[in-house]
Protein backbone atom coordinates (compact mmCIF):
# COMPACT_ATOMS: atom_id res chain seq x y z
CA MET A 1 -48.69 32.59 -9.27
CA ALA A 2 -46.72 33.18 -12.44
CA ASP A 3 -48.23 32.30 -15.81
CA PHE A 4 -44.88 31.23 -17.23
CA ALA A 5 -43.05 27.94 -16.74
CA PHE A 6 -39.29 27.67 -16.96
CA ALA A 7 -37.10 24.67 -17.67
CA THR A 8 -33.36 24.19 -17.67
CA CYS A 9 -31.78 21.53 -19.84
CA GLN A 10 -28.48 20.44 -21.28
CA PRO A 11 -27.40 23.17 -23.71
CA GLY A 12 -28.19 21.99 -27.22
CA PHE A 13 -31.32 20.14 -26.09
CA GLU A 14 -33.67 23.13 -26.23
CA ARG A 15 -35.33 21.70 -29.35
CA ALA A 16 -35.83 18.32 -27.71
CA LEU A 17 -37.34 20.01 -24.67
CA LYS A 18 -39.73 22.08 -26.79
CA LEU A 19 -40.82 19.05 -28.82
CA ASP A 20 -41.46 17.06 -25.65
CA VAL A 21 -43.44 19.89 -24.03
CA ALA A 22 -45.53 20.28 -27.21
CA ARG A 23 -46.39 16.57 -26.93
CA ARG A 24 -47.02 16.44 -23.18
CA ARG A 25 -48.34 19.95 -22.47
CA PRO A 26 -49.85 21.32 -25.71
CA GLU A 27 -51.49 24.21 -23.85
CA LEU A 28 -48.06 25.72 -23.17
CA ARG A 29 -46.59 28.06 -25.79
CA PHE A 30 -42.89 28.63 -26.29
CA SER A 31 -41.86 32.06 -25.01
CA TYR A 32 -38.10 32.54 -24.58
CA SER A 33 -34.93 30.54 -25.01
CA ARG A 34 -31.24 30.75 -24.22
CA PRO A 35 -28.76 27.86 -24.28
CA GLY A 36 -29.83 25.64 -21.39
CA LEU A 37 -32.99 27.63 -20.55
CA VAL A 38 -36.49 27.67 -22.07
CA THR A 39 -39.70 29.35 -20.87
CA PHE A 40 -43.32 28.72 -21.81
CA LYS A 41 -46.46 30.85 -21.57
CA SER A 42 -49.42 29.21 -19.89
CA PRO A 43 -53.14 30.06 -20.16
CA ARG A 44 -53.43 29.45 -16.42
CA PRO A 45 -51.18 30.02 -13.39
CA ILE A 46 -48.14 27.77 -13.16
CA LEU A 47 -47.60 26.34 -9.68
CA PRO A 48 -44.11 25.48 -8.38
CA GLY A 49 -45.24 21.94 -7.55
CA GLU A 50 -46.41 20.96 -11.02
CA LEU A 51 -45.03 17.87 -12.69
CA PRO A 52 -42.25 18.57 -15.17
CA GLY A 53 -43.42 19.12 -18.73
CA SER A 54 -40.52 17.20 -20.22
CA VAL A 55 -38.12 14.39 -19.38
CA PHE A 56 -35.38 16.62 -20.81
CA ALA A 57 -35.89 19.26 -18.09
CA ARG A 58 -33.19 19.26 -15.42
CA VAL A 59 -35.30 21.69 -13.38
CA TRP A 60 -38.92 22.63 -14.08
CA GLY A 61 -41.01 25.18 -12.25
CA ALA A 62 -42.76 28.55 -12.13
CA SER A 63 -40.83 31.36 -13.78
CA LEU A 64 -40.26 34.59 -11.85
CA GLY A 65 -38.51 36.32 -14.73
CA ALA A 66 -35.11 37.96 -14.96
CA ALA A 67 -33.10 39.83 -12.33
CA ARG A 68 -30.38 42.19 -13.57
CA THR A 69 -28.51 42.36 -10.28
CA PRO A 70 -28.00 40.11 -7.25
CA GLU A 71 -29.78 42.72 -5.13
CA ALA A 72 -32.81 42.59 -7.42
CA ALA A 73 -32.86 38.81 -7.15
CA ARG A 74 -32.83 38.99 -3.38
CA ALA A 75 -35.67 41.51 -3.35
CA ILE A 76 -37.83 39.19 -5.49
CA LEU A 77 -37.14 36.12 -3.36
CA ALA A 78 -36.98 37.60 0.14
CA SER A 79 -40.67 37.29 1.00
CA LEU A 80 -41.04 33.66 -0.11
CA PRO A 81 -41.11 30.68 2.34
CA LEU A 82 -38.05 29.04 0.81
CA ALA A 83 -36.56 25.78 2.07
CA ARG A 84 -33.61 25.87 -0.36
CA CYS A 85 -31.97 28.43 -2.60
CA HIS A 86 -30.00 27.02 -5.55
CA VAL A 87 -27.66 29.20 -7.56
CA PHE A 88 -26.18 27.46 -10.59
CA ALA A 89 -24.67 28.07 -14.02
CA ARG A 90 -27.00 27.85 -16.99
CA ASP A 91 -24.29 25.90 -18.79
CA PRO A 92 -22.25 23.68 -16.42
CA GLU A 93 -19.62 23.26 -19.16
CA GLN A 94 -19.03 27.04 -19.12
CA PRO A 95 -19.21 27.92 -15.40
CA SER A 96 -20.35 31.42 -14.62
CA THR A 97 -19.38 33.74 -11.77
CA LEU A 98 -21.83 32.61 -9.10
CA GLY A 99 -20.28 34.31 -6.05
CA PRO A 100 -22.19 37.64 -6.03
CA TRP A 101 -25.50 35.91 -6.68
CA SER A 102 -24.86 33.26 -4.02
CA LYS A 103 -23.85 35.90 -1.48
CA ALA A 104 -27.03 37.88 -2.14
CA VAL A 105 -29.60 35.08 -1.95
CA GLU A 106 -28.25 32.04 -0.15
CA SER A 107 -28.71 33.70 3.25
CA LEU A 108 -32.43 33.34 2.54
CA ALA A 109 -32.30 29.53 2.67
CA PRO A 110 -29.69 26.73 2.67
CA SER A 111 -28.05 25.87 -0.64
CA ASN A 112 -27.60 22.13 -0.07
CA ASP A 113 -29.49 19.38 -1.90
CA ALA A 114 -33.27 19.63 -1.77
CA LEU A 115 -35.54 17.14 -0.03
CA PRO A 116 -39.01 16.08 -1.22
CA GLY A 117 -41.52 18.85 -0.56
CA ASP A 118 -38.93 21.64 -0.32
CA LEU A 119 -39.81 24.93 -2.01
CA VAL A 120 -36.66 25.75 -3.96
CA ALA A 121 -35.63 29.07 -5.48
CA ASP A 122 -33.60 28.63 -8.65
CA VAL A 123 -31.18 31.36 -9.72
CA VAL A 124 -29.88 30.49 -13.19
CA VAL A 125 -26.71 32.44 -13.99
CA ALA A 126 -24.82 33.16 -17.22
CA ASP A 127 -22.05 35.78 -17.25
CA GLY A 128 -22.96 39.00 -19.03
CA GLU A 129 -26.72 38.35 -18.83
CA PRO A 130 -29.44 38.82 -16.22
CA ALA A 131 -30.02 35.82 -13.96
CA TRP A 132 -33.25 33.91 -14.46
CA LEU A 133 -35.34 33.21 -11.35
CA GLY A 134 -37.76 30.38 -10.78
CA LEU A 135 -39.49 28.31 -8.12
CA HIS A 136 -40.03 24.57 -7.92
CA VAL A 137 -41.14 22.09 -5.29
CA HIS A 138 -38.69 19.21 -5.10
CA ARG A 139 -40.22 15.83 -5.95
CA ASP A 140 -38.99 12.36 -5.19
CA ASP A 141 -38.12 11.71 -8.84
CA ASP A 142 -36.05 14.91 -9.14
CA LEU A 143 -32.31 15.26 -8.71
CA GLY A 144 -31.93 17.41 -5.60
CA SER A 145 -28.62 19.05 -6.47
CA PRO A 146 -28.56 22.66 -7.72
CA GLY A 147 -29.58 22.67 -11.36
CA GLY A 148 -30.16 18.91 -11.30
CA VAL A 149 -26.47 18.38 -12.10
CA PHE A 150 -23.93 16.50 -10.01
CA GLU A 151 -20.49 15.01 -10.54
CA VAL A 152 -19.82 11.30 -10.33
CA PRO A 153 -16.25 10.40 -9.31
CA ILE A 154 -14.81 8.41 -12.22
CA PRO A 155 -11.84 6.16 -11.45
CA ALA A 156 -8.82 6.35 -13.73
CA GLU A 157 -9.35 2.77 -14.87
CA ALA A 158 -12.88 3.44 -16.19
CA PRO A 159 -12.63 3.00 -19.99
CA SER A 160 -15.69 5.05 -20.99
CA ARG A 161 -18.27 7.58 -19.82
CA ALA A 162 -20.72 4.67 -19.47
CA PHE A 163 -19.35 4.46 -15.91
CA ALA A 164 -20.82 7.91 -15.14
CA LYS A 165 -24.08 7.17 -16.96
CA LEU A 166 -24.64 4.04 -14.87
CA GLU A 167 -23.79 5.74 -11.59
CA GLU A 168 -26.06 8.71 -12.40
CA ALA A 169 -28.89 6.33 -13.27
CA LEU A 170 -28.55 4.60 -9.90
CA VAL A 171 -28.39 7.88 -7.95
CA TRP A 172 -31.50 9.16 -9.72
CA SER A 173 -33.56 5.96 -9.74
CA ARG A 174 -32.48 4.45 -6.43
CA LEU A 175 -32.85 1.00 -7.93
CA PRO A 176 -31.71 -1.48 -5.24
CA VAL A 177 -28.65 -2.79 -7.08
CA ALA A 178 -26.57 -4.57 -4.43
CA GLU A 179 -23.57 -6.79 -3.79
CA GLY A 180 -24.22 -10.37 -4.80
CA HIS A 181 -26.57 -9.48 -7.66
CA VAL A 182 -26.02 -10.60 -11.24
CA ALA A 183 -26.46 -8.34 -14.28
CA LEU A 184 -26.67 -8.93 -18.01
CA GLU A 185 -25.36 -5.98 -20.01
CA VAL A 186 -26.05 -5.85 -23.75
CA GLY A 187 -23.65 -3.56 -25.60
CA SER A 188 -21.06 -3.67 -22.82
CA ALA A 189 -17.78 -2.79 -24.61
CA PRO A 190 -15.41 -1.32 -23.62
CA GLY A 191 -16.80 -1.85 -20.11
CA GLY A 192 -17.49 1.43 -18.29
CA ALA A 193 -20.87 0.42 -16.88
CA SER A 194 -19.69 -3.14 -16.26
CA LEU A 195 -16.84 -1.81 -14.13
CA ALA A 196 -19.22 0.41 -12.14
CA LEU A 197 -21.40 -2.60 -11.37
CA ALA A 198 -18.46 -4.84 -10.44
CA MET A 199 -17.22 -2.14 -8.06
CA ARG A 200 -20.61 -2.43 -6.34
CA GLY A 201 -20.19 -6.20 -6.01
CA VAL A 202 -22.38 -7.13 -8.99
CA THR A 203 -21.26 -9.96 -11.28
CA VAL A 204 -21.74 -8.90 -14.90
CA TYR A 205 -22.22 -10.88 -18.10
CA GLY A 206 -21.35 -8.42 -20.88
CA VAL A 207 -22.60 -9.18 -24.38
CA ASP A 208 -20.72 -7.38 -27.17
CA PRO A 209 -18.72 -8.55 -30.21
CA ALA A 210 -16.32 -5.64 -29.63
CA LEU A 211 -13.35 -5.90 -27.27
CA MET A 212 -13.68 -5.24 -23.56
CA ASP A 213 -10.96 -3.33 -21.75
CA PRO A 214 -8.52 -5.85 -20.18
CA ALA A 215 -8.49 -3.92 -16.89
CA VAL A 216 -12.26 -4.39 -16.62
CA LEU A 217 -12.00 -8.14 -17.22
CA ASP A 218 -9.18 -8.43 -14.67
CA TYR A 219 -11.02 -6.49 -11.97
CA ARG A 220 -12.35 -8.29 -8.90
CA GLY A 221 -14.91 -6.50 -6.81
CA PRO A 222 -16.56 -7.07 -3.41
CA GLY A 223 -17.57 -10.69 -2.90
CA GLY A 224 -15.48 -11.73 -5.88
CA ALA A 225 -17.66 -9.90 -8.40
CA ARG A 226 -16.20 -9.85 -11.89
CA VAL A 227 -17.10 -9.19 -15.52
CA HIS A 228 -17.58 -12.09 -17.94
CA HIS A 229 -17.33 -11.15 -21.63
CA LEU A 230 -19.62 -12.95 -24.08
CA ALA A 231 -18.11 -11.90 -27.42
CA THR A 232 -21.20 -12.19 -29.57
CA LYS A 233 -24.07 -10.17 -30.95
CA VAL A 234 -27.20 -10.20 -28.81
CA SER A 235 -29.08 -11.81 -31.71
CA ALA A 236 -26.72 -14.80 -31.48
CA LEU A 237 -26.72 -15.07 -27.68
CA ARG A 238 -27.34 -18.61 -26.42
CA TRP A 239 -29.24 -19.17 -23.18
CA GLU A 240 -26.65 -21.77 -22.15
CA SER A 241 -24.08 -18.96 -21.86
CA LEU A 242 -26.04 -17.24 -19.08
CA PRO A 243 -26.48 -18.04 -15.39
CA GLY A 244 -29.79 -19.37 -14.21
CA SER A 245 -30.76 -16.19 -12.38
CA ILE A 246 -30.23 -12.58 -13.51
CA ASP A 247 -31.30 -9.61 -11.40
CA TRP A 248 -30.64 -6.63 -13.70
CA LEU A 249 -30.76 -6.07 -17.45
CA LEU A 250 -28.72 -3.25 -18.98
CA ALA A 251 -28.45 -2.11 -22.59
CA ASP A 252 -26.51 0.64 -24.34
CA MET A 253 -26.39 -0.08 -28.07
CA ASN A 254 -25.91 2.24 -31.02
CA LEU A 255 -29.20 1.18 -32.55
CA ALA A 256 -32.63 2.78 -32.87
CA PRO A 257 -34.67 2.38 -29.64
CA GLN A 258 -37.27 0.21 -31.39
CA VAL A 259 -34.57 -2.18 -32.54
CA VAL A 260 -33.04 -2.36 -29.07
CA LEU A 261 -36.38 -3.20 -27.47
CA HIS A 262 -37.08 -5.80 -30.16
CA GLU A 263 -33.79 -7.54 -29.31
CA LEU A 264 -34.47 -7.35 -25.57
CA ALA A 265 -37.98 -8.74 -25.98
CA ARG A 266 -36.45 -12.00 -27.19
CA LEU A 267 -34.49 -12.27 -23.93
CA MET A 268 -37.40 -11.61 -21.61
CA PRO A 269 -39.11 -15.04 -21.31
CA PRO A 270 -36.18 -16.77 -19.53
CA LEU A 271 -35.22 -13.60 -17.60
CA ARG A 272 -38.64 -12.58 -16.33
CA ARG A 273 -38.80 -15.02 -13.43
CA SER A 274 -35.79 -13.44 -11.65
CA LEU A 275 -35.40 -9.98 -13.16
CA ALA A 276 -35.74 -7.10 -10.68
CA GLY A 277 -35.34 -4.28 -13.20
CA ALA A 278 -33.59 -2.73 -16.16
CA ILE A 279 -31.44 0.29 -17.01
CA LEU A 280 -31.52 1.15 -20.71
CA THR A 281 -29.73 3.91 -22.61
CA LEU A 282 -31.82 4.68 -25.70
CA LYS A 283 -30.26 6.63 -28.56
CA LEU A 284 -32.06 9.69 -29.98
CA ASN A 285 -30.21 10.14 -33.26
CA ASP A 286 -33.44 11.47 -34.76
CA TRP A 287 -35.55 13.99 -32.81
CA ALA A 288 -38.61 12.25 -34.28
CA PHE A 289 -38.06 9.54 -31.64
CA ILE A 290 -39.29 12.02 -29.01
CA ALA A 291 -42.85 11.56 -30.28
CA GLU A 292 -42.43 7.82 -29.77
CA LEU A 293 -41.31 7.95 -26.14
CA PRO A 294 -44.77 6.97 -24.78
CA GLU A 295 -44.81 3.91 -27.04
CA LEU A 296 -41.31 2.93 -25.89
CA VAL A 297 -42.49 3.14 -22.27
CA ARG A 298 -45.52 0.96 -23.07
CA ARG A 299 -43.23 -1.54 -24.78
CA VAL A 300 -41.06 -1.85 -21.67
CA GLU A 301 -44.16 -2.13 -19.48
CA SER A 302 -45.22 -5.08 -21.63
CA PHE A 303 -42.06 -6.85 -20.42
CA GLY A 304 -43.75 -7.06 -17.01
CA PHE A 305 -42.43 -3.86 -15.39
CA ARG A 306 -44.97 -1.73 -13.53
CA TYR A 307 -42.50 1.09 -12.80
CA VAL A 308 -40.92 2.76 -15.87
CA ARG A 309 -39.27 6.20 -15.86
CA LEU A 310 -37.33 8.30 -18.39
CA ARG A 311 -34.80 11.05 -17.77
CA HIS A 312 -32.07 12.87 -19.63
CA LEU A 313 -29.19 12.53 -17.17
CA PRO A 314 -26.17 14.87 -16.89
CA SER A 315 -23.84 12.50 -18.78
CA ASN A 316 -26.36 11.63 -21.48
CA ARG A 317 -25.78 13.08 -24.93
CA ARG A 318 -28.25 12.35 -27.75
CA GLU A 319 -29.74 9.56 -25.68
CA ILE A 320 -32.03 9.12 -22.75
CA CYS A 321 -32.01 6.85 -19.71
CA LEU A 322 -34.93 4.51 -19.07
CA VAL A 323 -35.19 2.64 -15.78
CA ALA A 324 -37.72 -0.06 -15.07
CA ALA A 325 -38.61 -2.21 -12.08
CA ALA A 326 -41.28 -4.60 -11.00
CA ASP A 327 -42.26 -2.16 -8.25
CA PRO A 328 -41.35 1.46 -7.45
CA PRO A 329 -38.00 1.67 -5.61
CA ARG A 330 -38.21 2.37 -1.87
CA ARG A 331 -37.16 5.96 -1.14
């Protein structure tokens, strides 16, 4: 197989990807980079089914190199036992002309979302440049859509992109958030994620000294789910303000990850007996935090969670999503 790995990422996160690969896979050497695409040279063959070398990789696999024309791409891929063939723009914010590439290669295999175990051909397109070709085997933890990017329908009343971040986290993680559950959200204003939960029938207690959007507070979801605003800092939160049983803990605060986890650790003793899991958005204002990601995972595991995963989701900016649960979600 090829001795190069390729990774796609959110444009602008190439440095984060390279730093994470240097930490996790030091045997790999940076080779080539374009916005949203990075390749690495390996001292041994790279197999399509290898684990991703970075949590910032939207797609990770074996690199097949560049193809200057759709016909050349088809010739490279035609002999492979493909289950899926994904053609996608290198930068989703600047869509490229995919039609000729799709027409040439998607007759080789379906283009719909991949299933675990599928061998997927990736054709990464940017107008005016050769397409980049790669292979990966879809894993359960991957996003199966082409390029690992998908759109979340955002209702007009959603006051922030936190709505999309929460929905993407649930699609990716498959955490069993369900109607009738109760969530505690720290850093809830103006209420995007709270609204997404209430629309799923989850009652939310949002902790934030900032104002919540009135439409979020007025909303009533399935089973009477609603959002309660606790207008205080998390450091001043009183246990008497909370219900006796909380299923999910959420946090999205503009603080360093270590500070966020320190604040959450104080909440854990009374929550631990009922808590099913957590969804945390951790800010990465300093790339140095990338070296500390393993320690952040260990810190969350110390809260009593056996299943902890990180991923840079499509709506994340300089932040990363961490999900945690007592046990791995059922797939």
